[in-house]
Amino acid sequence: MGPAYRPLDATARAALPFRLDLPEGFDLDTGRPGPDFTIYSVRRGTTPFVMIYAGPASQFPIYDGQLAEVAGRASVVVTEADGRHAMEHLFQRATAPREIHVWVASLEGADRALAERIAQSVDLR
């Protein structure tokens, strides 16, 4: 049996309904498709940093925080001891996939800050 996740090459990434800044050393993988949705994972090695759902109806929001409408997307901002963090974003589209839901994986420190930056870089094509 092969790996659960497989990295997408540049051609496959260009065909996605969203774009993002993928830092050096990171892969965008897909591995959990459903009947009408796909879940993507931004990973460094085996560590997930950001998850992206593309489909008809996401589980947004998954984090408990303040909902903000910014730049055509809904974002959940969590306030913690070290400041405010945008933990997830939801884009809604007129065509399929109708929802693009982006969320930061459970990480700490510099990895989490990097994951937040990657999640913030996601935008619709």
Protein backbone atom coordinates (compact mmCIF):
# COMPACT_ATOMS: atom_id res chain seq x y z
CA MET A 1 0.00 0.00 0.00
CA GLY A 2 1.34 3.45 -0.93
CA PRO A 3 1.51 6.53 1.26
CA ALA A 4 -1.77 8.08 2.35
CA TYR A 5 -0.75 11.48 0.99
CA ARG A 6 0.88 12.16 -2.36
CA PRO A 7 2.57 15.45 -3.27
CA LEU A 8 1.06 17.47 -6.11
CA ASP A 9 3.43 18.70 -8.79
CA ALA A 10 3.38 22.27 -10.16
CA THR A 11 0.96 21.32 -12.96
CA ALA A 12 -1.52 19.75 -10.53
CA ARG A 13 -1.20 22.74 -8.16
CA ALA A 14 -1.89 25.15 -11.05
CA ALA A 15 -5.21 23.37 -11.73
CA LEU A 16 -6.50 23.85 -8.16
CA PRO A 17 -9.31 26.34 -7.38
CA PHE A 18 -6.92 28.14 -4.99
CA ARG A 19 -3.31 29.25 -4.88
CA LEU A 20 -0.88 29.63 -1.99
CA ASP A 21 2.71 30.45 -1.18
CA LEU A 22 4.49 27.14 -0.63
CA PRO A 23 7.77 27.68 1.24
CA GLU A 24 10.96 25.83 0.31
CA GLY A 25 10.91 22.30 1.71
CA PHE A 26 7.11 22.02 1.82
CA ASP A 27 4.75 19.88 -0.25
CA LEU A 28 1.07 20.29 -1.03
CA ASP A 29 -0.44 16.82 -0.82
CA THR A 30 -3.87 15.33 -1.31
CA GLY A 31 -4.97 12.21 0.42
CA ARG A 32 -8.49 12.26 1.79
CA PRO A 33 -10.90 12.78 -1.09
CA GLY A 34 -14.59 12.14 -0.57
CA PRO A 35 -17.42 11.76 -3.06
CA ASP A 36 -17.57 15.52 -3.74
CA PHE A 37 -14.70 17.05 -1.77
CA THR A 38 -10.93 16.90 -1.40
CA ILE A 39 -8.73 17.63 1.61
CA TYR A 40 -5.25 18.95 0.93
CA SER A 41 -2.36 19.12 3.36
CA VAL A 42 0.62 21.48 3.39
CA ARG A 43 3.42 19.43 4.92
CA ARG A 44 7.08 19.60 5.75
CA GLY A 45 8.13 15.96 5.81
CA THR A 46 5.36 14.14 7.65
CA THR A 47 4.27 17.17 9.71
CA PRO A 48 1.04 18.88 8.57
CA PHE A 49 1.11 22.68 8.83
CA VAL A 50 -2.07 23.70 7.02
CA MET A 51 -5.14 21.75 5.91
CA ILE A 52 -7.38 22.85 3.04
CA TYR A 53 -10.85 21.49 2.32
CA ALA A 54 -12.41 22.07 -1.11
CA GLY A 55 -16.01 20.94 -1.44
CA PRO A 56 -19.69 21.78 -0.98
CA ALA A 57 -19.97 22.22 2.80
CA SER A 58 -17.02 22.54 5.18
CA GLN A 59 -16.99 22.14 8.96
CA PHE A 60 -16.18 25.87 9.39
CA PRO A 61 -15.56 27.06 12.03
CA ILE A 62 -13.54 24.47 13.92
CA TYR A 63 -11.71 26.92 16.18
CA ASP A 64 -13.46 28.96 18.87
CA GLY A 65 -12.67 32.61 18.30
CA GLN A 66 -13.76 35.94 16.86
CA LEU A 67 -15.23 35.82 13.37
CA ALA A 68 -13.89 38.50 11.02
CA GLU A 69 -14.84 39.19 7.41
CA VAL A 70 -11.64 40.22 5.63
CA ALA A 71 -10.68 40.37 1.94
CA GLY A 72 -13.55 38.23 0.69
CA ARG A 73 -13.13 35.52 3.28
CA ALA A 74 -14.37 34.77 6.77
CA SER A 75 -11.55 34.27 9.29
CA VAL A 76 -11.50 33.01 12.86
CA VAL A 77 -9.12 34.98 15.06
CA VAL A 78 -8.09 33.50 18.40
CA THR A 79 -6.67 35.68 21.18
CA GLU A 80 -3.96 34.03 23.26
CA ALA A 81 -1.30 35.17 25.74
CA ASP A 82 1.12 35.98 22.89
CA GLY A 83 -1.40 37.83 20.74
CA ARG A 84 -4.06 37.32 18.10
CA HIS A 85 -3.82 34.45 15.62
CA ALA A 86 -5.83 33.87 12.43
CA MET A 87 -6.39 30.13 12.73
CA GLU A 88 -8.75 29.43 9.83
CA HIS A 89 -10.30 31.01 6.75
CA LEU A 90 -13.39 30.25 4.66
CA PHE A 91 -13.83 31.29 1.05
CA GLN A 92 -17.23 30.87 -0.60
CA ARG A 93 -17.53 30.53 -4.37
CA ALA A 94 -20.40 30.62 -6.87
CA THR A 95 -19.15 27.43 -8.56
CA ALA A 96 -17.89 24.08 -7.31
CA PRO A 97 -16.08 23.66 -5.05
CA ARG A 98 -18.39 26.10 -3.27
CA GLU A 99 -16.27 26.29 -0.12
CA ILE A 100 -12.53 26.44 0.41
CA HIS A 101 -11.79 26.04 4.12
CA VAL A 102 -8.22 26.59 5.31
CA TRP A 103 -7.03 25.87 8.85
CA VAL A 104 -3.77 25.84 10.78
CA ALA A 105 -2.65 22.51 12.23
CA SER A 106 -1.90 22.15 15.95
CA LEU A 107 1.68 23.41 16.12
CA GLU A 108 3.69 25.59 18.48
CA GLY A 109 6.21 28.41 18.29
CA ALA A 110 7.94 29.21 15.01
CA ASP A 111 6.20 26.32 13.21
CA ARG A 112 2.81 27.73 14.10
CA ALA A 113 3.78 31.24 12.99
CA LEU A 114 4.94 29.77 9.67
CA ALA A 115 1.71 27.76 9.34
CA GLU A 116 -0.31 30.94 9.94
CA ARG A 117 1.62 32.74 7.19
CA ILE A 118 1.02 29.88 4.75
CA ALA A 119 -2.72 29.80 5.61
CA GLN A 120 -2.94 33.59 5.14
CA SER A 121 -1.36 33.23 1.68
CA VAL A 122 -4.20 31.04 0.35
CA ASP A 123 -6.46 32.83 -2.11
CA LEU A 124 -8.99 31.89 -4.77
CA ARG A 125 -7.87 31.59 -8.38
